[in-house]
């Protein structure tokens, strides 16, 4: 009887590793020309983490995932999954994949489709029944499992897609826009499911342009724009780079106090009897507070406003990160991956 080797990933191995991964498409009819969708992408995804690939539409997120699951082939560069080359067929049994716009045999029911997917992975009858029932419950399709997929809404089809991506109990799961088409309840259930996968030691690599989901779930993120990597690092590193502005709220201050603060602030906004003073330079905060106290101003609050993932994202894709946050904020060193 042939012995099947069980591969264990070591600490120095990555779940996903790309090196100068590049993809060009040919566009045009009469005058064909190459269009670069992904430009020398180099990044590493650690085993057991939730990794988010962020970027606007057309940034290269779906192209990256399709390259990694071998639906398309790179123009140049290399990649490895779970320590193995992309051309090794055996690696397919260890990964799961949800495409951005999944399409299924719509004459099948959800139960029939998941059973079919389980058969493709060679699951035995008992294991197949267990996995299908378990996943139908996890994605909230109990009660709809015998309805033809043609009658499903987009959100329900997305739930079926997530279930089929997990049918083989994969070590590594690729999810392309997994929250697409889901209602608030479905998004919450999907977030919980992703966290369950991490707790079970799985690696989750997903793309999204919904920054709140990435901020809630991801250990690390990478930001793509027009096919190029703009930044990559741990969320706590990105979001703790410093205070972007300090906000001081005053209650009905005198006009001469407001004028005195104008030279220290970057923005002053009056709303009713409240005045909000924004100061971007930390060295000026103490001077502003001293001035307020000397002139008898009533302070409602002093809030250091830290950078959000949305701030970092917008600065990165607009090329303004250096101007807005300083050089500390651009491309969290790739060596730290």
C-alpha atoms as a PDB file:
ATOM      1  CA  UNK A   1       0.000   0.000   0.000  1.00  0.00           C
ATOM      2  CA  UNK A   2       1.391   3.387  -1.014  1.00  0.00           C
ATOM      3  CA  UNK A   3       2.150   5.715   1.879  1.00  0.00           C
ATOM      4  CA  UNK A   4       0.781   9.246   1.549  1.00  0.00           C
ATOM      5  CA  UNK A   5       3.143  11.922   2.786  1.00  0.00           C
ATOM      6  CA  UNK A   6       1.654  14.634   4.963  1.00  0.00           C
ATOM      7  CA  UNK A   7       3.368  17.949   4.410  1.00  0.00           C
ATOM      8  CA  UNK A   8       3.754  20.273   7.374  1.00  0.00           C
ATOM      9  CA  UNK A   9       4.585  23.912   6.757  1.00  0.00           C
ATOM     10  CA  UNK A  10       7.551  25.171   8.740  1.00  0.00           C
ATOM     11  CA  UNK A  11       7.830  28.613  10.307  1.00  0.00           C
ATOM     12  CA  UNK A  12      10.052  29.895   7.504  1.00  0.00           C
ATOM     13  CA  UNK A  13       7.487  28.995   4.834  1.00  0.00           C
ATOM     14  CA  UNK A  14       4.676  31.238   3.620  1.00  0.00           C
ATOM     15  CA  UNK A  15       1.126  30.300   2.746  1.00  0.00           C
ATOM     16  CA  UNK A  16       1.435  32.553  -0.320  1.00  0.00           C
ATOM     17  CA  UNK A  17       4.556  34.096  -1.807  1.00  0.00           C
ATOM     18  CA  UNK A  18       4.797  36.097  -5.017  1.00  0.00           C
ATOM     19  CA  UNK A  19       8.004  37.365  -6.597  1.00  0.00           C
ATOM     20  CA  UNK A  20       7.762  40.026  -9.325  1.00  0.00           C
ATOM     21  CA  UNK A  21       4.426  38.580 -10.445  1.00  0.00           C
ATOM     22  CA  UNK A  22       3.338  40.365 -13.621  1.00  0.00           C
ATOM     23  CA  UNK A  23       0.372  40.018 -15.963  1.00  0.00           C
ATOM     24  CA  UNK A  24      -0.123  41.757 -19.315  1.00  0.00           C
ATOM     25  CA  UNK A  25      -3.270  41.526 -21.422  1.00  0.00           C
ATOM     26  CA  UNK A  26      -3.530  42.293 -25.117  1.00  0.00           C
ATOM     27  CA  UNK A  27      -6.089  44.984 -25.911  1.00  0.00           C
ATOM     28  CA  UNK A  28      -7.249  46.617 -29.118  1.00  0.00           C
ATOM     29  CA  UNK A  29      -8.560  45.216 -32.376  1.00  0.00           C
ATOM     30  CA  UNK A  30      -6.515  46.509 -35.295  1.00  0.00           C
ATOM     31  CA  UNK A  31      -3.569  47.813 -33.315  1.00  0.00           C
ATOM     32  CA  UNK A  32      -3.074  45.339 -30.531  1.00  0.00           C
ATOM     33  CA  UNK A  33      -1.042  46.534 -27.589  1.00  0.00           C
ATOM     34  CA  UNK A  34      -0.232  45.147 -24.148  1.00  0.00           C
ATOM     35  CA  UNK A  35      -2.008  46.473 -21.073  1.00  0.00           C
ATOM     36  CA  UNK A  36      -0.395  45.746 -17.713  1.00  0.00           C
ATOM     37  CA  UNK A  37      -2.906  44.545 -15.121  1.00  0.00           C
ATOM     38  CA  UNK A  38      -0.361  43.515 -12.479  1.00  0.00           C
ATOM     39  CA  UNK A  39       3.125  44.971 -12.216  1.00  0.00           C
ATOM     40  CA  UNK A  40       5.955  43.066 -10.486  1.00  0.00           C
ATOM     41  CA  UNK A  41       3.949  42.177  -7.367  1.00  0.00           C
ATOM     42  CA  UNK A  42       6.090  40.883  -4.520  1.00  0.00           C
ATOM     43  CA  UNK A  43       4.440  39.989  -1.223  1.00  0.00           C
ATOM     44  CA  UNK A  44       4.198  37.209   1.349  1.00  0.00           C
ATOM     45  CA  UNK A  45       1.205  35.911   3.285  1.00  0.00           C
ATOM     46  CA  UNK A  46       1.992  34.128   6.538  1.00  0.00           C
ATOM     47  CA  UNK A  47       0.455  30.844   7.562  1.00  0.00           C
ATOM     48  CA  UNK A  48      -2.634  31.294   9.755  1.00  0.00           C
ATOM     49  CA  UNK A  49      -3.286  34.977   9.114  1.00  0.00           C
ATOM     50  CA  UNK A  50      -6.131  36.893   7.518  1.00  0.00           C
ATOM     51  CA  UNK A  51      -4.627  38.919   4.696  1.00  0.00           C
ATOM     52  CA  UNK A  52      -6.552  41.610   2.857  1.00  0.00           C
ATOM     53  CA  UNK A  53      -5.820  42.733  -0.686  1.00  0.00           C
ATOM     54  CA  UNK A  54      -7.287  46.211  -1.058  1.00  0.00           C
ATOM     55  CA  UNK A  55      -7.690  48.512  -3.992  1.00  0.00           C
ATOM     56  CA  UNK A  56     -10.170  50.357  -6.193  1.00  0.00           C
ATOM     57  CA  UNK A  57     -11.915  48.677  -9.111  1.00  0.00           C
ATOM     58  CA  UNK A  58      -9.384  47.712 -11.774  1.00  0.00           C
ATOM     59  CA  UNK A  59      -6.467  47.735  -9.356  1.00  0.00           C
ATOM     60  CA  UNK A  60      -5.454  44.127 -10.098  1.00  0.00           C
ATOM     61  CA  UNK A  61      -7.005  42.312  -7.134  1.00  0.00           C
ATOM     62  CA  UNK A  62      -8.956  39.721  -9.126  1.00  0.00           C
ATOM     63  CA  UNK A  63      -6.037  39.277 -11.518  1.00  0.00           C
ATOM     64  CA  UNK A  64      -3.792  38.429  -8.562  1.00  0.00           C
ATOM     65  CA  UNK A  65      -6.182  35.807  -7.215  1.00  0.00           C
ATOM     66  CA  UNK A  66      -6.764  34.257 -10.634  1.00  0.00           C
ATOM     67  CA  UNK A  67      -3.005  33.955 -11.135  1.00  0.00           C
ATOM     68  CA  UNK A  68      -2.597  32.254  -7.772  1.00  0.00           C
ATOM     69  CA  UNK A  69      -5.319  29.673  -8.444  1.00  0.00           C
ATOM     70  CA  UNK A  70      -4.017  29.136 -11.992  1.00  0.00           C
ATOM     71  CA  UNK A  71      -7.089  30.336 -13.857  1.00  0.00           C
ATOM     72  CA  UNK A  72      -4.759  32.589 -15.848  1.00  0.00           C
ATOM     73  CA  UNK A  73      -1.010  32.502 -16.317  1.00  0.00           C
ATOM     74  CA  UNK A  74       1.581  35.184 -15.540  1.00  0.00           C
ATOM     75  CA  UNK A  75       3.513  37.104 -18.156  1.00  0.00           C
ATOM     76  CA  UNK A  76       6.538  36.944 -15.871  1.00  0.00           C
ATOM     77  CA  UNK A  77       7.446  36.373 -12.245  1.00  0.00           C
ATOM     78  CA  UNK A  78       6.760  33.433  -9.959  1.00  0.00           C
ATOM     79  CA  UNK A  79       4.570  32.449  -7.031  1.00  0.00           C
ATOM     80  CA  UNK A  80       4.330  29.652  -4.492  1.00  0.00           C
ATOM     81  CA  UNK A  81       1.366  28.373  -2.488  1.00  0.00           C
ATOM     82  CA  UNK A  82       1.886  26.424   0.752  1.00  0.00           C
ATOM     83  CA  UNK A  83       5.535  26.036  -0.189  1.00  0.00           C
ATOM     84  CA  UNK A  84       4.785  24.500  -3.601  1.00  0.00           C
ATOM     85  CA  UNK A  85       4.867  25.812  -7.158  1.00  0.00           C
ATOM     86  CA  UNK A  86       1.639  26.870  -8.843  1.00  0.00           C
ATOM     87  CA  UNK A  87       1.982  24.157 -11.490  1.00  0.00           C
ATOM     88  CA  UNK A  88       1.711  21.320  -8.942  1.00  0.00           C
ATOM     89  CA  UNK A  89      -1.779  19.883  -9.349  1.00  0.00           C
ATOM     90  CA  UNK A  90      -1.822  18.278  -5.890  1.00  0.00           C
ATOM     91  CA  UNK A  91      -1.871  21.684  -4.251  1.00  0.00           C
ATOM     92  CA  UNK A  92      -5.450  22.239  -5.528  1.00  0.00           C
ATOM     93  CA  UNK A  93      -6.801  19.823  -2.929  1.00  0.00           C
ATOM     94  CA  UNK A  94      -5.479  22.071  -0.160  1.00  0.00           C
ATOM     95  CA  UNK A  95      -7.011  25.380  -1.235  1.00  0.00           C
ATOM     96  CA  UNK A  96     -10.491  26.849  -1.652  1.00  0.00           C
ATOM     97  CA  UNK A  97     -11.523  29.641  -3.997  1.00  0.00           C
ATOM     98  CA  UNK A  98     -14.515  31.955  -4.333  1.00  0.00           C
ATOM     99  CA  UNK A  99     -14.443  34.022  -7.570  1.00  0.00           C
ATOM    100  CA  UNK A 100     -15.782  37.554  -7.694  1.00  0.00           C
ATOM    101  CA  UNK A 101     -18.771  36.667  -9.878  1.00  0.00           C
ATOM    102  CA  UNK A 102     -19.447  32.969  -9.298  1.00  0.00           C
ATOM    103  CA  UNK A 103     -21.616  31.065 -11.751  1.00  0.00           C
ATOM    104  CA  UNK A 104     -23.072  27.668 -10.954  1.00  0.00           C
ATOM    105  CA  UNK A 105     -25.255  25.089 -12.672  1.00  0.00           C
ATOM    106  CA  UNK A 106     -28.519  26.852 -11.928  1.00  0.00           C
ATOM    107  CA  UNK A 107     -30.723  23.785 -12.396  1.00  0.00           C
ATOM    108  CA  UNK A 108     -29.115  22.209  -9.302  1.00  0.00           C
ATOM    109  CA  UNK A 109     -30.239  22.877  -5.756  1.00  0.00           C
ATOM    110  CA  UNK A 110     -27.775  24.175  -3.182  1.00  0.00           C
ATOM    111  CA  UNK A 111     -27.554  20.716  -1.619  1.00  0.00           C
ATOM    112  CA  UNK A 112     -26.993  19.031  -4.990  1.00  0.00           C
ATOM    113  CA  UNK A 113     -24.325  21.530  -6.011  1.00  0.00           C
ATOM    114  CA  UNK A 114     -22.359  21.199  -2.769  1.00  0.00           C
ATOM    115  CA  UNK A 115     -22.624  17.415  -3.001  1.00  0.00           C
ATOM    116  CA  UNK A 116     -21.251  17.622  -6.550  1.00  0.00           C
ATOM    117  CA  UNK A 117     -18.364  19.838  -5.339  1.00  0.00           C
ATOM    118  CA  UNK A 118     -17.617  17.346  -2.548  1.00  0.00           C
ATOM    119  CA  UNK A 119     -17.570  14.507  -5.096  1.00  0.00           C
ATOM    120  CA  UNK A 120     -14.975  16.376  -7.151  1.00  0.00           C
ATOM    121  CA  UNK A 121     -12.673  16.348  -4.132  1.00  0.00           C
ATOM    122  CA  UNK A 122     -13.270  12.635  -3.609  1.00  0.00           C
ATOM    123  CA  UNK A 123     -14.938  12.913  -0.210  1.00  0.00           C
ATOM    124  CA  UNK A 124     -16.526   9.695   1.077  1.00  0.00           C
ATOM    125  CA  UNK A 125     -20.284   9.472   1.549  1.00  0.00           C
ATOM    126  CA  UNK A 126     -20.302  10.058   5.305  1.00  0.00           C
ATOM    127  CA  UNK A 127     -17.783  12.916   5.127  1.00  0.00           C
ATOM    128  CA  UNK A 128     -19.639  14.425   2.174  1.00  0.00           C
ATOM    129  CA  UNK A 129     -22.985  14.439   3.990  1.00  0.00           C
ATOM    130  CA  UNK A 130     -21.418  15.891   7.107  1.00  0.00           C
ATOM    131  CA  UNK A 131     -19.598  18.687   5.275  1.00  0.00           C
ATOM    132  CA  UNK A 132     -22.597  19.663   3.132  1.00  0.00           C
ATOM    133  CA  UNK A 133     -24.949  19.836   6.118  1.00  0.00           C
ATOM    134  CA  UNK A 134     -22.412  21.693   8.228  1.00  0.00           C
ATOM    135  CA  UNK A 135     -21.696  24.294   5.546  1.00  0.00           C
ATOM    136  CA  UNK A 136     -25.350  24.875   4.665  1.00  0.00           C
ATOM    137  CA  UNK A 137     -25.892  25.770   8.307  1.00  0.00           C
ATOM    138  CA  UNK A 138     -22.781  27.962   8.499  1.00  0.00           C
ATOM    139  CA  UNK A 139     -23.758  30.083   5.503  1.00  0.00           C
ATOM    140  CA  UNK A 140     -27.406  30.347   6.545  1.00  0.00           C
ATOM    141  CA  UNK A 141     -29.024  28.289   3.786  1.00  0.00           C
ATOM    142  CA  UNK A 142     -30.845  25.725   5.921  1.00  0.00           C
ATOM    143  CA  UNK A 143     -34.412  25.718   4.644  1.00  0.00           C
ATOM    144  CA  UNK A 144     -33.346  26.749   1.135  1.00  0.00           C
ATOM    145  CA  UNK A 145     -31.068  23.807   0.386  1.00  0.00           C
ATOM    146  CA  UNK A 146     -33.612  22.142  -1.943  1.00  0.00           C
ATOM    147  CA  UNK A 147     -34.396  25.261  -3.981  1.00  0.00           C
ATOM    148  CA  UNK A 148     -32.936  25.491  -7.511  1.00  0.00           C
ATOM    149  CA  UNK A 149     -30.051  27.931  -7.720  1.00  0.00           C
ATOM    150  CA  UNK A 150     -31.783  29.828 -10.547  1.00  0.00           C
ATOM    151  CA  UNK A 151     -34.258  31.076  -7.936  1.00  0.00           C
ATOM    152  CA  UNK A 152     -31.552  32.344  -5.578  1.00  0.00           C
ATOM    153  CA  UNK A 153     -30.804  36.027  -5.103  1.00  0.00           C
ATOM    154  CA  UNK A 154     -27.273  37.335  -5.651  1.00  0.00           C
ATOM    155  CA  UNK A 155     -26.638  37.264  -1.923  1.00  0.00           C
ATOM    156  CA  UNK A 156     -27.817  33.666  -1.605  1.00  0.00           C
ATOM    157  CA  UNK A 157     -25.606  32.620  -4.532  1.00  0.00           C
ATOM    158  CA  UNK A 158     -22.699  34.300  -2.755  1.00  0.00           C
ATOM    159  CA  UNK A 159     -23.399  32.148   0.298  1.00  0.00           C
ATOM    160  CA  UNK A 160     -23.387  29.027  -1.869  1.00  0.00           C
ATOM    161  CA  UNK A 161     -20.064  30.175  -3.329  1.00  0.00           C
ATOM    162  CA  UNK A 162     -18.528  30.567   0.108  1.00  0.00           C
ATOM    163  CA  UNK A 163     -19.753  27.082   1.072  1.00  0.00           C
ATOM    164  CA  UNK A 164     -18.225  25.457  -2.030  1.00  0.00           C
ATOM    165  CA  UNK A 165     -14.912  27.210  -1.319  1.00  0.00           C
ATOM    166  CA  UNK A 166     -14.828  25.435   2.052  1.00  0.00           C
ATOM    167  CA  UNK A 167     -16.187  22.026   1.051  1.00  0.00           C
ATOM    168  CA  UNK A 168     -12.746  20.344   1.065  1.00  0.00           C
ATOM    169  CA  UNK A 169     -11.762  21.850   4.454  1.00  0.00           C
ATOM    170  CA  UNK A 170      -8.883  23.770   2.823  1.00  0.00           C
ATOM    171  CA  UNK A 171      -5.736  25.015   4.533  1.00  0.00           C
ATOM    172  CA  UNK A 172      -5.755  28.193   2.462  1.00  0.00           C
ATOM    173  CA  UNK A 173      -8.881  30.028   1.281  1.00  0.00           C
ATOM    174  CA  UNK A 174      -8.934  32.644  -1.482  1.00  0.00           C
ATOM    175  CA  UNK A 175     -12.030  34.864  -1.425  1.00  0.00           C
ATOM    176  CA  UNK A 176     -12.545  37.486  -4.142  1.00  0.00           C
ATOM    177  CA  UNK A 177     -14.919  40.159  -2.792  1.00  0.00           C
ATOM    178  CA  UNK A 178     -16.655  37.731  -0.389  1.00  0.00           C
ATOM    179  CA  UNK A 179     -19.071  40.382   0.945  1.00  0.00           C
ATOM    180  CA  UNK A 180     -20.400  41.278  -2.505  1.00  0.00           C
ATOM    181  CA  UNK A 181     -24.194  41.142  -2.676  1.00  0.00           C
ATOM    182  CA  UNK A 182     -24.666  40.242   0.991  1.00  0.00           C
ATOM    183  CA  UNK A 183     -27.106  42.036   3.264  1.00  0.00           C
ATOM    184  CA  UNK A 184     -25.866  43.327   6.665  1.00  0.00           C
ATOM    185  CA  UNK A 185     -26.717  40.025   8.359  1.00  0.00           C
ATOM    186  CA  UNK A 186     -24.932  38.038   5.663  1.00  0.00           C
ATOM    187  CA  UNK A 187     -21.849  40.249   5.919  1.00  0.00           C
ATOM    188  CA  UNK A 188     -21.727  39.748   9.669  1.00  0.00           C
ATOM    189  CA  UNK A 189     -22.109  35.973   9.311  1.00  0.00           C
ATOM    190  CA  UNK A 190     -19.356  35.908   6.690  1.00  0.00           C
ATOM    191  CA  UNK A 191     -17.035  37.928   8.926  1.00  0.00           C
ATOM    192  CA  UNK A 192     -17.705  35.506  11.768  1.00  0.00           C
ATOM    193  CA  UNK A 193     -16.987  32.584   9.457  1.00  0.00           C
ATOM    194  CA  UNK A 194     -13.657  34.092   8.365  1.00  0.00           C
ATOM    195  CA  UNK A 195     -12.688  34.550  12.005  1.00  0.00           C
ATOM    196  CA  UNK A 196     -13.649  30.922  12.682  1.00  0.00           C
ATOM    197  CA  UNK A 197     -11.328  29.827   9.876  1.00  0.00           C
ATOM    198  CA  UNK A 198      -8.466  31.776  11.424  1.00  0.00           C
ATOM    199  CA  UNK A 199      -9.201  30.267  14.846  1.00  0.00           C
ATOM    200  CA  UNK A 200      -8.984  26.819  13.229  1.00  0.00           C
ATOM    201  CA  UNK A 201      -5.494  27.631  11.917  1.00  0.00           C
ATOM    202  CA  UNK A 202      -6.530  28.331   8.326  1.00  0.00           C
ATOM    203  CA  UNK A 203      -5.072  31.080   6.171  1.00  0.00           C
ATOM    204  CA  UNK A 204      -7.540  33.472   4.524  1.00  0.00           C
ATOM    205  CA  UNK A 205      -6.492  35.675   1.596  1.00  0.00           C
ATOM    206  CA  UNK A 206      -9.342  37.903   0.468  1.00  0.00           C
ATOM    207  CA  UNK A 207      -9.780  40.940  -1.729  1.00  0.00           C
ATOM    208  CA  UNK A 208     -12.166  43.760  -0.991  1.00  0.00           C
ATOM    209  CA  UNK A 209     -12.811  47.454  -1.487  1.00  0.00           C
ATOM    210  CA  UNK A 210     -14.967  47.581   1.668  1.00  0.00           C
ATOM    211  CA  UNK A 211     -12.425  49.040   4.072  1.00  0.00           C
ATOM    212  CA  UNK A 212     -14.481  48.531   7.227  1.00  0.00           C
ATOM    213  CA  UNK A 213     -14.445  44.758   6.643  1.00  0.00           C
ATOM    214  CA  UNK A 214     -10.682  44.774   6.182  1.00  0.00           C
ATOM    215  CA  UNK A 215     -10.178  46.874   9.309  1.00  0.00           C
ATOM    216  CA  UNK A 216     -12.287  44.469  11.375  1.00  0.00           C
ATOM    217  CA  UNK A 217     -10.763  41.240  10.051  1.00  0.00           C
ATOM    218  CA  UNK A 218      -7.251  41.576   8.697  1.00  0.00           C
ATOM    219  CA  UNK A 219      -3.950  40.952  10.430  1.00  0.00           C
ATOM    220  CA  UNK A 220      -2.181  42.577   7.495  1.00  0.00           C
ATOM    221  CA  UNK A 221      -3.200  44.311   4.294  1.00  0.00           C
ATOM    222  CA  UNK A 222      -1.683  45.169   0.941  1.00  0.00           C
ATOM    223  CA  UNK A 223      -2.929  48.042  -1.209  1.00  0.00           C
ATOM    224  CA  UNK A 224      -2.903  47.804  -4.994  1.00  0.00           C
ATOM    225  CA  UNK A 225      -3.469  50.668  -7.392  1.00  0.00           C
ATOM    226  CA  UNK A 226      -3.251  50.315 -11.173  1.00  0.00           C
ATOM    227  CA  UNK A 227      -1.492  46.997 -10.748  1.00  0.00           C
ATOM    228  CA  UNK A 228       1.278  48.219  -8.465  1.00  0.00           C
ATOM    229  CA  UNK A 229       1.766  47.567  -4.766  1.00  0.00           C
ATOM    230  CA  UNK A 230       1.392  50.841  -2.862  1.00  0.00           C
ATOM    231  CA  UNK A 231       1.853  49.574   0.679  1.00  0.00           C
ATOM    232  CA  UNK A 232       1.859  46.423   2.760  1.00  0.00           C
ATOM    233  CA  UNK A 233       2.002  45.813   6.471  1.00  0.00           C
ATOM    234  CA  UNK A 234       0.257  45.066   9.728  1.00  0.00           C
ATOM    235  CA  UNK A 235      -2.812  47.140  10.436  1.00  0.00           C
ATOM    236  CA  UNK A 236      -1.545  48.199  13.836  1.00  0.00           C
ATOM    237  CA  UNK A 237       1.632  49.509  12.200  1.00  0.00           C
ATOM    238  CA  UNK A 238      -0.309  51.426   9.580  1.00  0.00           C
ATOM    239  CA  UNK A 239      -2.890  52.846  11.960  1.00  0.00           C
ATOM    240  CA  UNK A 240      -0.435  53.691  14.759  1.00  0.00           C
ATOM    241  CA  UNK A 241       1.930  55.706  12.613  1.00  0.00           C
ATOM    242  CA  UNK A 242       0.840  58.749  14.520  1.00  0.00           C
ATOM    243  CA  UNK A 243      -1.835  61.321  15.157  1.00  0.00           C
ATOM    244  CA  UNK A 244      -2.886  63.011  11.933  1.00  0.00           C
ATOM    245  CA  UNK A 245      -4.666  65.886  13.673  1.00  0.00           C
ATOM    246  CA  UNK A 246      -5.705  67.012  17.162  1.00  0.00           C
ATOM    247  CA  UNK A 247      -9.254  68.301  17.482  1.00  0.00           C
ATOM    248  CA  UNK A 248     -10.166  70.809  20.189  1.00  0.00           C
ATOM    249  CA  UNK A 249     -13.865  71.611  20.662  1.00  0.00           C
ATOM    250  CA  UNK A 250     -14.759  74.890  22.423  1.00  0.00           C
ATOM    251  CA  UNK A 251     -18.079  76.094  23.788  1.00  0.00           C
ATOM    252  CA  UNK A 252     -19.034  79.552  22.447  1.00  0.00           C
ATOM    253  CA  UNK A 253     -15.526  81.084  22.485  1.00  0.00           C
ATOM    254  CA  UNK A 254     -15.003  84.840  22.100  1.00  0.00           C
ATOM    255  CA  UNK A 255     -14.116  86.076  18.624  1.00  0.00           C
ATOM    256  CA  UNK A 256     -10.670  87.331  19.692  1.00  0.00           C
ATOM    257  CA  UNK A 257      -9.825  83.824  21.002  1.00  0.00           C
ATOM    258  CA  UNK A 258     -10.882  82.267  17.709  1.00  0.00           C
ATOM    259  CA  UNK A 259      -8.705  84.728  15.810  1.00  0.00           C
ATOM    260  CA  UNK A 260      -5.763  83.942  18.095  1.00  0.00           C
ATOM    261  CA  UNK A 261      -6.164  80.214  17.430  1.00  0.00           C
ATOM    262  CA  UNK A 262      -6.357  80.699  13.675  1.00  0.00           C
ATOM    263  CA  UNK A 263      -2.573  81.103  13.396  1.00  0.00           C
ATOM    264  CA  UNK A 264      -2.021  77.788  15.208  1.00  0.00           C
ATOM    265  CA  UNK A 265      -4.663  75.714  13.472  1.00  0.00           C
ATOM    266  CA  UNK A 266      -5.172  74.164  10.054  1.00  0.00           C
ATOM    267  CA  UNK A 267      -8.955  74.460  10.173  1.00  0.00           C
ATOM    268  CA  UNK A 268     -11.620  76.105  12.325  1.00  0.00           C
ATOM    269  CA  UNK A 269     -15.307  75.187  11.964  1.00  0.00           C
ATOM    270  CA  UNK A 270     -18.214  76.761  13.864  1.00  0.00           C
ATOM    271  CA  UNK A 271     -21.404  74.729  14.375  1.00  0.00           C
ATOM    272  CA  UNK A 272     -23.954  76.650  16.404  1.00  0.00           C
ATOM    273  CA  UNK A 273     -22.258  77.640  19.646  1.00  0.00           C
ATOM    274  CA  UNK A 274     -19.510  75.029  19.276  1.00  0.00           C
ATOM    275  CA  UNK A 275     -16.210  75.721  17.545  1.00  0.00           C
ATOM    276  CA  UNK A 276     -13.966  72.861  16.360  1.00  0.00           C
ATOM    277  CA  UNK A 277     -10.293  73.688  16.022  1.00  0.00           C
ATOM    278  CA  UNK A 278      -8.058  71.251  14.110  1.00  0.00           C
ATOM    279  CA  UNK A 279      -4.294  71.365  14.678  1.00  0.00           C
ATOM    280  CA  UNK A 280      -1.994  69.202  12.563  1.00  0.00           C
ATOM    281  CA  UNK A 281       1.322  69.978  14.297  1.00  0.00           C
ATOM    282  CA  UNK A 282       1.617  68.388  17.739  1.00  0.00           C
ATOM    283  CA  UNK A 283       4.001  71.122  18.907  1.00  0.00           C
ATOM    284  CA  UNK A 284       1.217  73.683  18.536  1.00  0.00           C
ATOM    285  CA  UNK A 285      -1.342  71.831  20.648  1.00  0.00           C
ATOM    286  CA  UNK A 286       0.132  72.911  24.001  1.00  0.00           C
ATOM    287  CA  UNK A 287       0.380  76.520  22.800  1.00  0.00           C
ATOM    288  CA  UNK A 288      -3.262  76.464  21.720  1.00  0.00           C
ATOM    289  CA  UNK A 289      -4.415  75.020  25.052  1.00  0.00           C
ATOM    290  CA  UNK A 290      -2.417  77.621  26.993  1.00  0.00           C
ATOM    291  CA  UNK A 291      -4.007  80.391  24.923  1.00  0.00           C
ATOM    292  CA  UNK A 292      -7.493  79.000  25.528  1.00  0.00           C
ATOM    293  CA  UNK A 293      -6.970  78.764  29.298  1.00  0.00           C
ATOM    294  CA  UNK A 294      -5.470  82.271  29.536  1.00  0.00           C
ATOM    295  CA  UNK A 295      -8.478  83.775  27.763  1.00  0.00           C
ATOM    296  CA  UNK A 296     -10.999  81.787  29.769  1.00  0.00           C
ATOM    297  CA  UNK A 297     -12.205  79.567  26.944  1.00  0.00           C
ATOM    298  CA  UNK A 298     -14.413  76.584  27.828  1.00  0.00           C
ATOM    299  CA  UNK A 299     -12.960  73.331  26.479  1.00  0.00           C
ATOM    300  CA  UNK A 300     -15.510  70.646  25.628  1.00  0.00           C
ATOM    301  CA  UNK A 301     -13.049  68.012  24.400  1.00  0.00           C
ATOM    302  CA  UNK A 302      -9.534  67.409  23.137  1.00  0.00           C
ATOM    303  CA  UNK A 303      -9.317  64.465  20.752  1.00  0.00           C
ATOM    304  CA  UNK A 304      -6.230  63.128  19.002  1.00  0.00           C
ATOM    305  CA  UNK A 305      -7.607  61.847  15.685  1.00  0.00           C
ATOM    306  CA  UNK A 306      -5.560  58.918  14.443  1.00  0.00           C
ATOM    307  CA  UNK A 307      -5.332  57.812  10.876  1.00  0.00           C
ATOM    308  CA  UNK A 308      -7.905  55.291   9.710  1.00  0.00           C
ATOM    309  CA  UNK A 309      -7.437  52.594   7.113  1.00  0.00           C
ATOM    310  CA  UNK A 310      -9.558  54.720   4.780  1.00  0.00           C
ATOM    311  CA  UNK A 311      -7.159  57.643   5.244  1.00  0.00           C
ATOM    312  CA  UNK A 312      -4.171  55.437   4.446  1.00  0.00           C
ATOM    313  CA  UNK A 313      -5.958  53.870   1.487  1.00  0.00           C
ATOM    314  CA  UNK A 314      -6.935  57.207  -0.039  1.00  0.00           C
ATOM    315  CA  UNK A 315      -3.457  58.643   0.472  1.00  0.00           C
ATOM    316  CA  UNK A 316      -1.845  55.563  -1.074  1.00  0.00           C
ATOM    317  CA  UNK A 317      -3.985  55.366  -4.198  1.00  0.00           C
ATOM    318  CA  UNK A 318      -3.805  59.107  -4.774  1.00  0.00           C
ATOM    319  CA  UNK A 319      -0.022  59.165  -4.425  1.00  0.00           C
ATOM    320  CA  UNK A 320      -0.346  61.727  -1.653  1.00  0.00           C
ATOM    321  CA  UNK A 321       0.832  59.662   1.311  1.00  0.00           C
ATOM    322  CA  UNK A 322       4.128  61.517   1.602  1.00  0.00           C
ATOM    323  CA  UNK A 323       2.392  64.880   1.599  1.00  0.00           C
ATOM    324  CA  UNK A 324      -0.344  63.913   4.049  1.00  0.00           C
ATOM    325  CA  UNK A 325       1.386  61.649   6.549  1.00  0.00           C
ATOM    326  CA  UNK A 326       5.083  61.788   5.836  1.00  0.00           C
ATOM    327  CA  UNK A 327       7.420  59.131   4.463  1.00  0.00           C
ATOM    328  CA  UNK A 328       6.744  56.860   7.467  1.00  0.00           C
ATOM    329  CA  UNK A 329       3.380  56.058   5.976  1.00  0.00           C
ATOM    330  CA  UNK A 330       4.302  54.817   2.518  1.00  0.00           C
ATOM    331  CA  UNK A 331       4.962  51.149   1.859  1.00  0.00           C
ATOM    332  CA  UNK A 332       5.358  49.587   5.281  1.00  0.00           C
ATOM    333  CA  UNK A 333       8.729  47.857   4.769  1.00  0.00           C
ATOM    334  CA  UNK A 334       8.246  44.642   2.853  1.00  0.00           C
ATOM    335  CA  UNK A 335      11.062  43.056   4.841  1.00  0.00           C
ATOM    336  CA  UNK A 336       8.704  43.001   7.826  1.00  0.00           C
ATOM    337  CA  UNK A 337       6.343  40.626   6.057  1.00  0.00           C
END
